Amino acid sequence: MASLEVAGRTIALDPEGYLENLDDWEPCVAIALALDEQVELTEAHWELIEQVRNFYKEFDHSPAMRPLVKYIGLNLGADKGRSIYLMQLLPPNKSTGSPPKRLARLAGLPKPDNCL
């Protein structure tokens, strides 16, 4: 099993790098996961992390691209509620996947079930 060292704690990760225990998430964990993905978290990233965590609280699952785009559009406006916006901030990556998968990982949530 993989793990991540953050603030003197060992955080267990599944084989794909998602948190084993969702309660282990905190902002410093997101920063460590972002470093692992070579992403520098900006205010725009944090805004999306907050939205995807809210989505999870509301619907009890991590969103795929279309529901995520719709949710972000409803909450942050049409200019941010577009897949191109997500792809600019978190480009699809061969090892870590699509923007919703990458965002779920950074937000400490399970991998979306229906993301390729």
PDB file of N, CA and C in Angstrom:
ATOM      1  N   MET A   1       0.845  -1.184   0.000  1.00  0.00           N
ATOM      2  CA  MET A   1       0.000   0.000   0.000  1.00  0.00           C
ATOM      3  C   MET A   1       0.888   1.243   0.000  1.00  0.00           C
ATOM      4  N   ALA A   2       0.535   2.204  -0.790  1.00  0.00           N
ATOM      5  CA  ALA A   2       1.276   3.459  -0.880  1.00  0.00           C
ATOM      6  C   ALA A   2       0.876   4.366   0.279  1.00  0.00           C
ATOM      7  N   SER A   3       1.718   5.338   0.533  1.00  0.00           N
ATOM      8  CA  SER A   3       1.404   6.304   1.584  1.00  0.00           C
ATOM      9  C   SER A   3       2.044   7.640   1.246  1.00  0.00           C
ATOM     10  N   LEU A   4       1.646   8.630   2.005  1.00  0.00           N
ATOM     11  CA  LEU A   4       2.111   9.996   1.830  1.00  0.00           C
ATOM     12  C   LEU A   4       2.451  10.532   3.215  1.00  0.00           C
ATOM     13  N   GLU A   5       3.604  11.131   3.350  1.00  0.00           N
ATOM     14  CA  GLU A   5       4.006  11.739   4.628  1.00  0.00           C
ATOM     15  C   GLU A   5       3.627  13.212   4.603  1.00  0.00           C
ATOM     16  N   VAL A   6       2.770  13.622   5.548  1.00  0.00           N
ATOM     17  CA  VAL A   6       2.307  15.006   5.607  1.00  0.00           C
ATOM     18  C   VAL A   6       2.245  15.455   7.060  1.00  0.00           C
ATOM     19  N   ALA A   7       2.954  16.510   7.360  1.00  0.00           N
ATOM     20  CA  ALA A   7       2.917  17.116   8.697  1.00  0.00           C
ATOM     21  C   ALA A   7       3.127  16.076   9.802  1.00  0.00           C
ATOM     22  N   GLY A   8       4.086  15.174   9.593  1.00  0.00           N
ATOM     23  CA  GLY A   8       4.398  14.171  10.591  1.00  0.00           C
ATOM     24  C   GLY A   8       3.433  13.008  10.655  1.00  0.00           C
ATOM     25  N   ARG A   9       2.502  12.949   9.730  1.00  0.00           N
ATOM     26  CA  ARG A   9       1.519  11.851   9.681  1.00  0.00           C
ATOM     27  C   ARG A   9       1.745  11.041   8.430  1.00  0.00           C
ATOM     28  N   THR A  10       1.426   9.753   8.519  1.00  0.00           N
ATOM     29  CA  THR A  10       1.456   8.885   7.356  1.00  0.00           C
ATOM     30  C   THR A  10       0.017   8.723   6.879  1.00  0.00           C
ATOM     31  N   ILE A  11      -0.227   9.135   5.647  1.00  0.00           N
ATOM     32  CA  ILE A  11      -1.561   9.071   5.044  1.00  0.00           C
ATOM     33  C   ILE A  11      -1.578   7.887   4.077  1.00  0.00           C
ATOM     34  N   ALA A  12      -2.466   6.931   4.313  1.00  0.00           N
ATOM     35  CA  ALA A  12      -2.562   5.747   3.453  1.00  0.00           C
ATOM     36  C   ALA A  12      -3.263   6.099   2.147  1.00  0.00           C
ATOM     37  N   LEU A  13      -2.685   5.613   1.041  1.00  0.00           N
ATOM     38  CA  LEU A  13      -3.248   5.823  -0.296  1.00  0.00           C
ATOM     39  C   LEU A  13      -3.561   4.474  -0.925  1.00  0.00           C
ATOM     40  N   ASP A  14      -4.579   4.448  -1.777  1.00  0.00           N
ATOM     41  CA  ASP A  14      -4.863   3.224  -2.524  1.00  0.00           C
ATOM     42  C   ASP A  14      -3.855   3.115  -3.675  1.00  0.00           C
ATOM     43  N   PRO A  15      -3.886   2.021  -4.432  1.00  0.00           N
ATOM     44  CA  PRO A  15      -2.899   1.859  -5.510  1.00  0.00           C
ATOM     45  C   PRO A  15      -2.910   2.961  -6.571  1.00  0.00           C
ATOM     46  N   GLU A  16      -4.027   3.691  -6.697  1.00  0.00           N
ATOM     47  CA  GLU A  16      -4.105   4.773  -7.684  1.00  0.00           C
ATOM     48  C   GLU A  16      -3.793   6.143  -7.089  1.00  0.00           C
ATOM     49  N   GLY A  17      -3.463   6.179  -5.807  1.00  0.00           N
ATOM     50  CA  GLY A  17      -3.071   7.433  -5.178  1.00  0.00           C
ATOM     51  C   GLY A  17      -4.180   8.209  -4.509  1.00  0.00           C
ATOM     52  N   TYR A  18      -5.362   7.616  -4.374  1.00  0.00           N
ATOM     53  CA  TYR A  18      -6.478   8.264  -3.681  1.00  0.00           C
ATOM     54  C   TYR A  18      -6.413   7.909  -2.200  1.00  0.00           C
ATOM     55  N   LEU A  19      -6.913   8.790  -1.345  1.00  0.00           N
ATOM     56  CA  LEU A  19      -6.884   8.541   0.085  1.00  0.00           C
ATOM     57  C   LEU A  19      -7.682   7.286   0.437  1.00  0.00           C
ATOM     58  N   GLU A  20      -7.111   6.470   1.311  1.00  0.00           N
ATOM     59  CA  GLU A  20      -7.832   5.301   1.830  1.00  0.00           C
ATOM     60  C   GLU A  20      -8.933   5.747   2.787  1.00  0.00           C
ATOM     61  N   ASN A  21      -8.640   6.786   3.581  1.00  0.00           N
ATOM     62  CA  ASN A  21      -9.578   7.282   4.579  1.00  0.00           C
ATOM     63  C   ASN A  21      -9.875   8.749   4.263  1.00  0.00           C
ATOM     64  N   LEU A  22     -11.108   9.025   3.878  1.00  0.00           N
ATOM     65  CA  LEU A  22     -11.478  10.393   3.486  1.00  0.00           C
ATOM     66  C   LEU A  22     -11.281  11.398   4.616  1.00  0.00           C
ATOM     67  N   ASP A  23     -11.333  10.936   5.872  1.00  0.00           N
ATOM     68  CA  ASP A  23     -11.151  11.834   7.010  1.00  0.00           C
ATOM     69  C   ASP A  23      -9.709  12.303   7.171  1.00  0.00           C
ATOM     70  N   ASP A  24      -8.770  11.696   6.436  1.00  0.00           N
ATOM     71  CA  ASP A  24      -7.380  12.127   6.492  1.00  0.00           C
ATOM     72  C   ASP A  24      -7.140  13.420   5.716  1.00  0.00           C
ATOM     73  N   TRP A  25      -8.131  13.863   4.940  1.00  0.00           N
ATOM     74  CA  TRP A  25      -7.916  15.029   4.093  1.00  0.00           C
ATOM     75  C   TRP A  25      -7.893  16.307   4.914  1.00  0.00           C
ATOM     76  N   GLU A  26      -6.988  17.173   4.554  1.00  0.00           N
ATOM     77  CA  GLU A  26      -6.927  18.555   5.014  1.00  0.00           C
ATOM     78  C   GLU A  26      -6.121  19.310   3.967  1.00  0.00           C
ATOM     79  N   PRO A  27      -6.137  20.628   3.985  1.00  0.00           N
ATOM     80  CA  PRO A  27      -5.444  21.369   2.933  1.00  0.00           C
ATOM     81  C   PRO A  27      -3.983  20.979   2.721  1.00  0.00           C
ATOM     82  N   CYS A  28      -3.256  20.666   3.787  1.00  0.00           N
ATOM     83  CA  CYS A  28      -1.845  20.300   3.602  1.00  0.00           C
ATOM     84  C   CYS A  28      -1.714  18.964   2.852  1.00  0.00           C
ATOM     85  N   VAL A  29      -2.703  18.102   2.955  1.00  0.00           N
ATOM     86  CA  VAL A  29      -2.708  16.844   2.186  1.00  0.00           C
ATOM     87  C   VAL A  29      -2.919  17.168   0.710  1.00  0.00           C
ATOM     88  N   ALA A  30      -3.829  18.088   0.419  1.00  0.00           N
ATOM     89  CA  ALA A  30      -4.056  18.501  -0.973  1.00  0.00           C
ATOM     90  C   ALA A  30      -2.774  19.073  -1.576  1.00  0.00           C
ATOM     91  N   ILE A  31      -2.051  19.851  -0.797  1.00  0.00           N
ATOM     92  CA  ILE A  31      -0.802  20.438  -1.290  1.00  0.00           C
ATOM     93  C   ILE A  31       0.211  19.341  -1.595  1.00  0.00           C
ATOM     94  N   ALA A  32       0.319  18.358  -0.713  1.00  0.00           N
ATOM     95  CA  ALA A  32       1.255  17.246  -0.933  1.00  0.00           C
ATOM     96  C   ALA A  32       0.852  16.427  -2.156  1.00  0.00           C
ATOM     97  N   LEU A  33      -0.450  16.173  -2.328  1.00  0.00           N
ATOM     98  CA  LEU A  33      -0.915  15.438  -3.503  1.00  0.00           C
ATOM     99  C   LEU A  33      -0.648  16.237  -4.775  1.00  0.00           C
ATOM    100  N   ALA A  34      -0.841  17.547  -4.703  1.00  0.00           N
ATOM    101  CA  ALA A  34      -0.579  18.403  -5.865  1.00  0.00           C
ATOM    102  C   ALA A  34       0.901  18.381  -6.234  1.00  0.00           C
ATOM    103  N   LEU A  35       1.758  18.407  -5.241  1.00  0.00           N
ATOM    104  CA  LEU A  35       3.196  18.319  -5.512  1.00  0.00           C
ATOM    105  C   LEU A  35       3.527  17.014  -6.214  1.00  0.00           C
ATOM    106  N   ASP A  36       2.872  15.939  -5.778  1.00  0.00           N
ATOM    107  CA  ASP A  36       3.067  14.638  -6.406  1.00  0.00           C
ATOM    108  C   ASP A  36       2.656  14.676  -7.881  1.00  0.00           C
ATOM    109  N   GLU A  37       1.644  15.474  -8.194  1.00  0.00           N
ATOM    110  CA  GLU A  37       1.160  15.608  -9.573  1.00  0.00           C
ATOM    111  C   GLU A  37       1.836  16.765 -10.313  1.00  0.00           C
ATOM    112  N   GLN A  38       2.754  17.427  -9.660  1.00  0.00           N
ATOM    113  CA  GLN A  38       3.454  18.569 -10.227  1.00  0.00           C
ATOM    114  C   GLN A  38       2.498  19.697 -10.611  1.00  0.00           C
ATOM    115  N   VAL A  39       1.577  19.978  -9.697  1.00  0.00           N
ATOM    116  CA  VAL A  39       0.606  21.056  -9.871  1.00  0.00           C
ATOM    117  C   VAL A  39       0.793  22.041  -8.726  1.00  0.00           C
ATOM    118  N   GLU A  40       0.903  23.312  -9.065  1.00  0.00           N
ATOM    119  CA  GLU A  40       0.934  24.348  -8.039  1.00  0.00           C
ATOM    120  C   GLU A  40      -0.496  24.854  -7.858  1.00  0.00           C
ATOM    121  N   LEU A  41      -1.032  24.645  -6.664  1.00  0.00           N
ATOM    122  CA  LEU A  41      -2.422  25.020  -6.411  1.00  0.00           C
ATOM    123  C   LEU A  41      -2.569  26.534  -6.324  1.00  0.00           C
ATOM    124  N   THR A  42      -3.442  27.051  -7.170  1.00  0.00           N
ATOM    125  CA  THR A  42      -3.760  28.472  -7.187  1.00  0.00           C
ATOM    126  C   THR A  42      -5.112  28.682  -6.514  1.00  0.00           C
ATOM    127  N   GLU A  43      -5.515  29.921  -6.400  1.00  0.00           N
ATOM    128  CA  GLU A  43      -6.834  30.230  -5.854  1.00  0.00           C
ATOM    129  C   GLU A  43      -7.934  29.535  -6.677  1.00  0.00           C
ATOM    130  N   ALA A  44      -7.761  29.476  -7.980  1.00  0.00           N
ATOM    131  CA  ALA A  44      -8.746  28.814  -8.853  1.00  0.00           C
ATOM    132  C   ALA A  44      -8.837  27.314  -8.547  1.00  0.00           C
ATOM    133  N   HIS A  45      -7.696  26.673  -8.269  1.00  0.00           N
ATOM    134  CA  HIS A  45      -7.711  25.257  -7.897  1.00  0.00           C
ATOM    135  C   HIS A  45      -8.458  25.042  -6.581  1.00  0.00           C
ATOM    136  N   TRP A  46      -8.156  25.898  -5.597  1.00  0.00           N
ATOM    137  CA  TRP A  46      -8.818  25.765  -4.297  1.00  0.00           C
ATOM    138  C   TRP A  46     -10.330  25.956  -4.419  1.00  0.00           C
ATOM    139  N   GLU A  47     -10.733  26.857  -5.295  1.00  0.00           N
ATOM    140  CA  GLU A  47     -12.158  27.086  -5.536  1.00  0.00           C
ATOM    141  C   GLU A  47     -12.806  25.809  -6.075  1.00  0.00           C
ATOM    142  N   LEU A  48     -12.118  25.132  -6.994  1.00  0.00           N
ATOM    143  CA  LEU A  48     -12.644  23.880  -7.552  1.00  0.00           C
ATOM    144  C   LEU A  48     -12.620  22.754  -6.523  1.00  0.00           C
ATOM    145  N   ILE A  49     -11.579  22.700  -5.721  1.00  0.00           N
ATOM    146  CA  ILE A  49     -11.510  21.687  -4.667  1.00  0.00           C
ATOM    147  C   ILE A  49     -12.701  21.851  -3.720  1.00  0.00           C
ATOM    148  N   GLU A  50     -12.995  23.080  -3.345  1.00  0.00           N
ATOM    149  CA  GLU A  50     -14.143  23.337  -2.476  1.00  0.00           C
ATOM    150  C   GLU A  50     -15.449  22.888  -3.147  1.00  0.00           C
ATOM    151  N   GLN A  51     -15.594  23.181  -4.438  1.00  0.00           N
ATOM    152  CA  GLN A  51     -16.810  22.796  -5.155  1.00  0.00           C
ATOM    153  C   GLN A  51     -16.973  21.275  -5.239  1.00  0.00           C
ATOM    154  N   VAL A  52     -15.893  20.567  -5.543  1.00  0.00           N
ATOM    155  CA  VAL A  52     -16.008  19.115  -5.671  1.00  0.00           C
ATOM    156  C   VAL A  52     -16.258  18.476  -4.301  1.00  0.00           C
ATOM    157  N   ARG A  53     -15.705  19.051  -3.245  1.00  0.00           N
ATOM    158  CA  ARG A  53     -15.992  18.540  -1.897  1.00  0.00           C
ATOM    159  C   ARG A  53     -17.452  18.810  -1.525  1.00  0.00           C
ATOM    160  N   ASN A  54     -17.986  19.967  -1.912  1.00  0.00           N
ATOM    161  CA  ASN A  54     -19.397  20.262  -1.676  1.00  0.00           C
ATOM    162  C   ASN A  54     -20.292  19.308  -2.463  1.00  0.00           C
ATOM    163  N   PHE A  55     -19.910  19.032  -3.711  1.00  0.00           N
ATOM    164  CA  PHE A  55     -20.664  18.081  -4.537  1.00  0.00           C
ATOM    165  C   PHE A  55     -20.726  16.729  -3.828  1.00  0.00           C
ATOM    166  N   TYR A  56     -19.599  16.279  -3.330  1.00  0.00           N
ATOM    167  CA  TYR A  56     -19.537  14.983  -2.646  1.00  0.00           C
ATOM    168  C   TYR A  56     -20.430  14.977  -1.405  1.00  0.00           C
ATOM    169  N   LYS A  57     -20.407  16.051  -0.622  1.00  0.00           N
ATOM    170  CA  LYS A  57     -21.259  16.145   0.570  1.00  0.00           C
ATOM    171  C   LYS A  57     -22.736  16.097   0.185  1.00  0.00           C
ATOM    172  N   GLU A  58     -23.067  16.737  -0.910  1.00  0.00           N
ATOM    173  CA  GLU A  58     -24.467  16.823  -1.342  1.00  0.00           C
ATOM    174  C   GLU A  58     -24.971  15.529  -1.983  1.00  0.00           C
ATOM    175  N   PHE A  59     -24.148  14.871  -2.803  1.00  0.00           N
ATOM    176  CA  PHE A  59     -24.605  13.724  -3.584  1.00  0.00           C
ATOM    177  C   PHE A  59     -23.959  12.392  -3.202  1.00  0.00           C
ATOM    178  N   ASP A  60     -23.003  12.413  -2.290  1.00  0.00           N
ATOM    179  CA  ASP A  60     -22.344  11.210  -1.781  1.00  0.00           C
ATOM    180  C   ASP A  60     -21.595  10.406  -2.844  1.00  0.00           C
ATOM    181  N   HIS A  61     -21.073  11.082  -3.835  1.00  0.00           N
ATOM    182  CA  HIS A  61     -20.174  10.457  -4.805  1.00  0.00           C
ATOM    183  C   HIS A  61     -19.369  11.552  -5.517  1.00  0.00           C
ATOM    184  N   SER A  62     -18.241  11.137  -6.047  1.00  0.00           N
ATOM    185  CA  SER A  62     -17.399  12.075  -6.795  1.00  0.00           C
ATOM    186  C   SER A  62     -17.961  12.225  -8.203  1.00  0.00           C
ATOM    187  N   PRO A  63     -18.006  13.451  -8.721  1.00  0.00           N
ATOM    188  CA  PRO A  63     -18.631  13.667 -10.023  1.00  0.00           C
ATOM    189  C   PRO A  63     -17.727  13.342 -11.210  1.00  0.00           C
ATOM    190  N   ALA A  64     -18.355  12.883 -12.274  1.00  0.00           N
ATOM    191  CA  ALA A  64     -17.699  12.773 -13.575  1.00  0.00           C
ATOM    192  C   ALA A  64     -17.722  14.168 -14.210  1.00  0.00           C
ATOM    193  N   MET A  65     -17.199  14.290 -15.406  1.00  0.00           N
ATOM    194  CA  MET A  65     -17.035  15.600 -16.042  1.00  0.00           C
ATOM    195  C   MET A  65     -18.352  16.373 -16.193  1.00  0.00           C
ATOM    196  N   ARG A  66     -19.358  15.784 -16.802  1.00  0.00           N
ATOM    197  CA  ARG A  66     -20.586  16.553 -17.067  1.00  0.00           C
ATOM    198  C   ARG A  66     -21.269  17.047 -15.798  1.00  0.00           C
ATOM    199  N   PRO A  67     -21.495  16.171 -14.796  1.00  0.00           N
ATOM    200  CA  PRO A  67     -22.113  16.703 -13.575  1.00  0.00           C
ATOM    201  C   PRO A  67     -21.245  17.742 -12.872  1.00  0.00           C
ATOM    202  N   LEU A  68     -19.927  17.570 -12.930  1.00  0.00           N
ATOM    203  CA  LEU A  68     -19.029  18.525 -12.299  1.00  0.00           C
ATOM    204  C   LEU A  68     -19.112  19.882 -12.989  1.00  0.00           C
ATOM    205  N   VAL A  69     -19.083  19.879 -14.313  1.00  0.00           N
ATOM    206  CA  VAL A  69     -19.169  21.126 -15.075  1.00  0.00           C
ATOM    207  C   VAL A  69     -20.485  21.833 -14.775  1.00  0.00           C
ATOM    208  N   LYS A  70     -21.572  21.086 -14.735  1.00  0.00           N
ATOM    209  CA  LYS A  70     -22.879  21.682 -14.453  1.00  0.00           C
ATOM    210  C   LYS A  70     -22.912  22.271 -13.045  1.00  0.00           C
ATOM    211  N   TYR A  71     -22.408  21.519 -12.073  1.00  0.00           N
ATOM    212  CA  TYR A  71     -22.391  21.974 -10.684  1.00  0.00           C
ATOM    213  C   TYR A  71     -21.553  23.243 -10.533  1.00  0.00           C
ATOM    214  N   ILE A  72     -20.388  23.258 -11.134  1.00  0.00           N
ATOM    215  CA  ILE A  72     -19.518  24.432 -11.064  1.00  0.00           C
ATOM    216  C   ILE A  72     -20.185  25.621 -11.753  1.00  0.00           C
ATOM    217  N   GLY A  73     -20.817  25.382 -12.896  1.00  0.00           N
ATOM    218  CA  GLY A  73     -21.525  26.455 -13.591  1.00  0.00           C
ATOM    219  C   GLY A  73     -22.622  27.068 -12.744  1.00  0.00           C
ATOM    220  N   LEU A  74     -23.351  26.223 -12.020  1.00  0.00           N
ATOM    221  CA  LEU A  74     -24.427  26.719 -11.162  1.00  0.00           C
ATOM    222  C   LEU A  74     -23.889  27.513  -9.976  1.00  0.00           C
ATOM    223  N   ASN A  75     -22.739  27.120  -9.482  1.00  0.00           N
ATOM    224  CA  ASN A  75     -22.209  27.737  -8.267  1.00  0.00           C
ATOM    225  C   ASN A  75     -21.170  28.831  -8.494  1.00  0.00           C
ATOM    226  N   LEU A  76     -20.442  28.750  -9.594  1.00  0.00           N
ATOM    227  CA  LEU A  76     -19.371  29.729  -9.837  1.00  0.00           C
ATOM    228  C   LEU A  76     -19.569  30.545 -11.108  1.00  0.00           C
ATOM    229  N   GLY A  77     -20.580  30.214 -11.875  1.00  0.00           N
ATOM    230  CA  GLY A  77     -20.851  30.966 -13.094  1.00  0.00           C
ATOM    231  C   GLY A  77     -20.471  30.197 -14.349  1.00  0.00           C
ATOM    232  N   ALA A  78     -21.106  30.595 -15.445  1.00  0.00           N
ATOM    233  CA  ALA A  78     -20.938  29.909 -16.731  1.00  0.00           C
ATOM    234  C   ALA A  78     -19.507  29.952 -17.243  1.00  0.00           C
ATOM    235  N   ASP A  79     -18.758  31.005 -16.920  1.00  0.00           N
ATOM    236  CA  ASP A  79     -17.379  31.098 -17.415  1.00  0.00           C
ATOM    237  C   ASP A  79     -16.489  30.009 -16.821  1.00  0.00           C
ATOM    238  N   LYS A  80     -16.784  29.554 -15.601  1.00  0.00           N
ATOM    239  CA  LYS A  80     -16.009  28.490 -14.969  1.00  0.00           C
ATOM    240  C   LYS A  80     -16.666  27.122 -15.137  1.00  0.00           C
ATOM    241  N   GLY A  81     -17.930  27.109 -15.469  1.00  0.00           N
ATOM    242  CA  GLY A  81     -18.673  25.869 -15.656  1.00  0.00           C
ATOM    243  C   GLY A  81     -18.522  25.340 -17.072  1.00  0.00           C
ATOM    244  N   ARG A  82     -17.271  25.131 -17.485  1.00  0.00           N
ATOM    245  CA  ARG A  82     -16.984  24.602 -18.822  1.00  0.00           C
ATOM    246  C   ARG A  82     -15.846  23.596 -18.693  1.00  0.00           C
ATOM    247  N   SER A  83     -15.926  22.539 -19.476  1.00  0.00           N
ATOM    248  CA  SER A  83     -14.880  21.517 -19.404  1.00  0.00           C
ATOM    249  C   SER A  83     -13.519  22.080 -19.801  1.00  0.00           C
ATOM    250  N   ILE A  84     -13.491  23.037 -20.710  1.00  0.00           N
ATOM    251  CA  ILE A  84     -12.217  23.622 -21.136  1.00  0.00           C
ATOM    252  C   ILE A  84     -11.536  24.340 -19.965  1.00  0.00           C
ATOM    253  N   TYR A  85     -12.324  24.951 -19.110  1.00  0.00           N
ATOM    254  CA  TYR A  85     -11.775  25.615 -17.918  1.00  0.00           C
ATOM    255  C   TYR A  85     -11.083  24.595 -17.018  1.00  0.00           C
ATOM    256  N   LEU A  86     -11.750  23.465 -16.794  1.00  0.00           N
ATOM    257  CA  LEU A  86     -11.158  22.413 -15.964  1.00  0.00           C
ATOM    258  C   LEU A  86      -9.894  21.847 -16.609  1.00  0.00           C
ATOM    259  N   MET A  87      -9.930  21.664 -17.913  1.00  0.00           N
ATOM    260  CA  MET A  87      -8.773  21.099 -18.610  1.00  0.00           C
ATOM    261  C   MET A  87      -7.584  22.064 -18.619  1.00  0.00           C
ATOM    262  N   GLN A  88      -7.861  23.356 -18.580  1.00  0.00           N
ATOM    263  CA  GLN A  88      -6.764  24.324 -18.507  1.00  0.00           C
ATOM    264  C   GLN A  88      -6.095  24.290 -17.138  1.00  0.00           C
ATOM    265  N   LEU A  89      -6.895  24.124 -16.076  1.00  0.00           N
ATOM    266  CA  LEU A  89      -6.337  24.104 -14.725  1.00  0.00           C
ATOM    267  C   LEU A  89      -5.713  22.749 -14.370  1.00  0.00           C
ATOM    268  N   LEU A  90      -6.343  21.679 -14.827  1.00  0.00           N
ATOM    269  CA  LEU A  90      -5.862  20.321 -14.541  1.00  0.00           C
ATOM    270  C   LEU A  90      -5.898  19.506 -15.826  1.00  0.00           C
ATOM    271  N   PRO A  91      -4.945  19.728 -16.700  1.00  0.00           N
ATOM    272  CA  PRO A  91      -4.953  19.028 -17.986  1.00  0.00           C
ATOM    273  C   PRO A  91      -4.982  17.512 -17.803  1.00  0.00           C
ATOM    274  N   PRO A  92      -5.672  16.824 -18.705  1.00  0.00           N
ATOM    275  CA  PRO A  92      -5.663  15.358 -18.634  1.00  0.00           C
ATOM    276  C   PRO A  92      -4.216  14.866 -18.621  1.00  0.00           C
ATOM    277  N   ASN A  93      -3.981  13.868 -17.822  1.00  0.00           N
ATOM    278  CA  ASN A  93      -2.636  13.364 -17.611  1.00  0.00           C
ATOM    279  C   ASN A  93      -2.676  11.846 -17.725  1.00  0.00           C
ATOM    280  N   LYS A  94      -1.754  11.279 -18.453  1.00  0.00           N
ATOM    281  CA  LYS A  94      -1.751   9.836 -18.686  1.00  0.00           C
ATOM    282  C   LYS A  94      -1.714   9.039 -17.382  1.00  0.00           C
ATOM    283  N   SER A  95      -0.945   9.508 -16.414  1.00  0.00           N
ATOM    284  CA  SER A  95      -0.810   8.745 -15.180  1.00  0.00           C
ATOM    285  C   SER A  95      -1.899   9.052 -14.155  1.00  0.00           C
ATOM    286  N   THR A  96      -2.413  10.278 -14.138  1.00  0.00           N
ATOM    287  CA  THR A  96      -3.404  10.624 -13.118  1.00  0.00           C
ATOM    288  C   THR A  96      -4.806  10.852 -13.668  1.00  0.00           C
ATOM    289  N   GLY A  97      -4.969  10.879 -14.970  1.00  0.00           N
ATOM    290  CA  GLY A  97      -6.299  10.880 -15.559  1.00  0.00           C
ATOM    291  C   GLY A  97      -6.896  12.231 -15.904  1.00  0.00           C
ATOM    292  N   SER A  98      -8.209  12.203 -16.032  1.00  0.00           N
ATOM    293  CA  SER A  98      -8.997  13.353 -16.457  1.00  0.00           C
ATOM    294  C   SER A  98      -9.087  14.406 -15.349  1.00  0.00           C
ATOM    295  N   PRO A  99      -9.514  15.624 -15.693  1.00  0.00           N
ATOM    296  CA  PRO A  99      -9.658  16.663 -14.671  1.00  0.00           C
ATOM    297  C   PRO A  99     -10.535  16.247 -13.476  1.00  0.00           C
ATOM    298  N   PRO A 100     -11.702  15.591 -13.687  1.00  0.00           N
ATOM    299  CA  PRO A 100     -12.478  15.187 -12.506  1.00  0.00           C
ATOM    300  C   PRO A 100     -11.741  14.182 -11.616  1.00  0.00           C
ATOM    301  N   LYS A 101     -10.990  13.263 -12.223  1.00  0.00           N
ATOM    302  CA  LYS A 101     -10.223  12.301 -11.429  1.00  0.00           C
ATOM    303  C   LYS A 101      -9.131  13.016 -10.651  1.00  0.00           C
ATOM    304  N   ARG A 102      -8.429  13.914 -11.302  1.00  0.00           N
ATOM    305  CA  ARG A 102      -7.354  14.654 -10.652  1.00  0.00           C
ATOM    306  C   ARG A 102      -7.909  15.532  -9.535  1.00  0.00           C
ATOM    307  N   LEU A 103      -9.027  16.178  -9.792  1.00  0.00           N
ATOM    308  CA  LEU A 103      -9.644  17.046  -8.802  1.00  0.00           C
ATOM    309  C   LEU A 103     -10.147  16.242  -7.602  1.00  0.00           C
ATOM    310  N   ALA A 104     -10.763  15.098  -7.849  1.00  0.00           N
ATOM    311  CA  ALA A 104     -11.235  14.237  -6.750  1.00  0.00           C
ATOM    312  C   ALA A 104     -10.055  13.803  -5.884  1.00  0.00           C
ATOM    313  N   ARG A 105      -8.963  13.442  -6.521  1.00  0.00           N
ATOM    314  CA  ARG A 105      -7.772  13.017  -5.770  1.00  0.00           C
ATOM    315  C   ARG A 105      -7.260  14.157  -4.897  1.00  0.00           C
ATOM    316  N   LEU A 106      -7.139  15.342  -5.466  1.00  0.00           N
ATOM    317  CA  LEU A 106      -6.652  16.497  -4.700  1.00  0.00           C
ATOM    318  C   LEU A 106      -7.603  16.878  -3.565  1.00  0.00           C
ATOM    319  N   ALA A 107      -8.891  16.644  -3.766  1.00  0.00           N
ATOM    320  CA  ALA A 107      -9.898  16.976  -2.768  1.00  0.00           C
ATOM    321  C   ALA A 107     -10.073  15.873  -1.734  1.00  0.00           C
ATOM    322  N   GLY A 108      -9.310  14.801  -1.865  1.00  0.00           N
ATOM    323  CA  GLY A 108      -9.381  13.713  -0.891  1.00  0.00           C
ATOM    324  C   GLY A 108     -10.596  12.833  -1.020  1.00  0.00           C
ATOM    325  N   LEU A 109     -11.158  12.783  -2.215  1.00  0.00           N
ATOM    326  CA  LEU A 109     -12.385  12.022  -2.451  1.00  0.00           C
ATOM    327  C   LEU A 109     -12.094  10.755  -3.245  1.00  0.00           C
ATOM    328  N   PRO A 110     -13.056   9.826  -3.259  1.00  0.00           N
ATOM    329  CA  PRO A 110     -12.855   8.615  -4.074  1.00  0.00           C
ATOM    330  C   PRO A 110     -12.828   8.952  -5.563  1.00  0.00           C
ATOM    331  N   LYS A 111     -12.190   8.079  -6.328  1.00  0.00           N
ATOM    332  CA  LYS A 111     -12.146   8.257  -7.781  1.00  0.00           C
ATOM    333  C   LYS A 111     -13.570   8.186  -8.327  1.00  0.00           C
ATOM    334  N   PRO A 112     -13.919   9.103  -9.231  1.00  0.00           N
ATOM    335  CA  PRO A 112     -15.253   9.032  -9.854  1.00  0.00           C
ATOM    336  C   PRO A 112     -15.428   7.685 -10.559  1.00  0.00           C
ATOM    337  N   ASP A 113     -16.583   7.058 -10.361  1.00  0.00           N
ATOM    338  CA  ASP A 113     -16.848   5.744 -10.934  1.00  0.00           C
ATOM    339  C   ASP A 113     -16.878   5.719 -12.446  1.00  0.00           C
ATOM    340  N   ASN A 114     -17.442   6.765 -13.037  1.00  0.00           N
ATOM    341  CA  ASN A 114     -17.658   6.711 -14.487  1.00  0.00           C
ATOM    342  C   ASN A 114     -16.751   7.648 -15.270  1.00  0.00           C
ATOM    343  N   CYS A 115     -15.559   7.885 -14.766  1.00  0.00           N
ATOM    344  CA  CYS A 115     -14.575   8.662 -15.525  1.00  0.00           C
ATOM    345  C   CYS A 115     -13.607   7.700 -16.186  1.00  0.00           C
ATOM    346  N   LEU A 116     -13.268   7.991 -17.414  1.00  0.00           N
ATOM    347  CA  LEU A 116     -12.318   7.145 -18.122  1.00  0.00           C
ATOM    348  C   LEU A 116     -10.901   7.444 -17.678  1.00  0.00           C
TER     349      LEU A 116
END
